[in-house]
Amino acid sequence: MKTATIPALRVDPALRQAAEDVLQAGETLSSFVEQSVRANIERRRQQQAFIARGLMARDEARENGDYLAASDVLQELDDMLADAERKAAR
């Protein structure tokens, strides 16, 4: 398969230096940039999927009239946190 290129990117010298400063042993700036682009693509795909699930849940709740009171949800979260803190203290 043929490879493609990503457009050249002009950046402030301080940004380039910061990127070079965090390179790991054997890592090139090009590989760092490629990995960063891949990670951001995945993050944005995850965001899109999260939003889609949220919108679908909203639509289902509207159809069913199945809503939870915010106070009930917050109380359940408080209870879960208290349980986790008790377990961690043991």
Protein backbone atom coordinates (compact mmCIF):
# COMPACT_ATOMS: atom_id res chain seq x y z
CA MET A 1 0.00 0.00 0.00
CA LYS A 2 1.29 3.44 -0.87
CA THR A 3 1.86 5.86 1.96
CA ALA A 4 0.55 9.40 2.08
CA THR A 5 1.89 12.50 3.74
CA ILE A 6 0.39 14.90 6.23
CA PRO A 7 0.88 18.54 5.30
CA ALA A 8 3.96 20.26 6.66
CA LEU A 9 3.20 22.26 9.76
CA ARG A 10 4.84 25.52 10.75
CA VAL A 11 5.03 25.91 14.51
CA ASP A 12 6.59 28.23 17.02
CA PRO A 13 10.15 27.14 17.79
CA ALA A 14 9.21 26.73 21.46
CA LEU A 15 6.53 24.17 20.53
CA ARG A 16 9.00 22.19 18.44
CA GLN A 17 11.53 22.28 21.27
CA ALA A 18 8.89 21.15 23.78
CA ALA A 19 8.02 18.21 21.53
CA GLU A 20 11.68 17.28 21.11
CA ASP A 21 12.19 17.52 24.88
CA VAL A 22 9.64 14.77 25.55
CA LEU A 23 10.79 12.29 22.92
CA GLN A 24 11.55 8.86 24.31
CA ALA A 25 14.72 6.93 23.51
CA GLY A 26 14.79 6.00 19.83
CA GLU A 27 11.68 8.03 19.04
CA THR A 28 11.76 10.54 16.21
CA LEU A 29 9.81 13.75 15.97
CA SER A 30 8.00 12.29 12.94
CA SER A 31 6.93 9.18 14.85
CA PHE A 32 5.82 11.34 17.78
CA VAL A 33 3.69 13.49 15.48
CA GLU A 34 2.23 10.40 13.79
CA GLN A 35 1.37 8.81 17.16
CA SER A 36 -0.17 12.10 18.32
CA VAL A 37 -2.36 12.32 15.23
CA ARG A 38 -3.48 8.69 15.68
CA ALA A 39 -4.27 9.28 19.36
CA ASN A 40 -6.31 12.38 18.58
CA ILE A 41 -8.22 10.61 15.82
CA GLU A 42 -9.13 7.85 18.29
CA ARG A 43 -10.07 10.38 20.98
CA ARG A 44 -12.37 12.22 18.58
CA ARG A 45 -13.97 8.95 17.44
CA GLN A 46 -14.59 8.09 21.09
CA GLN A 47 -16.11 11.53 21.66
CA GLN A 48 -18.39 11.15 18.66
CA ALA A 49 -19.52 7.72 19.84
CA PHE A 50 -20.12 9.04 23.37
CA ILE A 51 -22.24 11.91 22.07
CA ALA A 52 -24.18 9.57 19.77
CA ARG A 53 -24.93 7.24 22.71
CA GLY A 54 -26.02 10.20 24.82
CA LEU A 55 -28.34 11.51 22.12
CA MET A 56 -29.79 8.03 21.62
CA ALA A 57 -30.38 7.67 25.37
CA ARG A 58 -32.02 11.10 25.43
CA ASP A 59 -34.32 10.16 22.56
CA GLU A 60 -35.24 6.84 24.22
CA ALA A 61 -35.98 8.62 27.48
CA ARG A 62 -38.23 11.08 25.66
CA GLU A 63 -40.08 8.24 23.95
CA ASN A 64 -40.50 6.21 27.14
CA GLY A 65 -40.85 9.07 29.58
CA ASP A 66 -38.24 7.21 31.64
CA TYR A 67 -36.32 9.93 33.44
CA LEU A 68 -34.43 9.95 36.71
CA ALA A 69 -34.43 12.90 39.07
CA ALA A 70 -31.04 14.59 39.26
CA SER A 71 -31.20 14.43 43.06
CA ASP A 72 -31.63 10.63 42.91
CA VAL A 73 -28.66 10.24 40.58
CA LEU A 74 -26.49 12.49 42.73
CA GLN A 75 -27.47 10.58 45.87
CA GLU A 76 -26.56 7.28 44.21
CA LEU A 77 -23.19 8.70 43.15
CA ASP A 78 -22.58 9.97 46.70
CA ASP A 79 -23.39 6.51 48.05
CA MET A 80 -21.01 4.87 45.56
CA LEU A 81 -18.25 7.30 46.53
CA ALA A 82 -18.81 6.66 50.24
CA ASP A 83 -18.65 2.90 49.65
CA ALA A 84 -15.41 3.24 47.68
CA GLU A 85 -13.88 5.43 50.37
CA ARG A 86 -14.83 2.90 53.07
CA LYS A 87 -13.26 0.07 51.08
CA ALA A 88 -10.11 2.08 50.46
CA ALA A 89 -9.78 2.87 54.16
CA ARG A 90 -9.68 -0.83 55.07
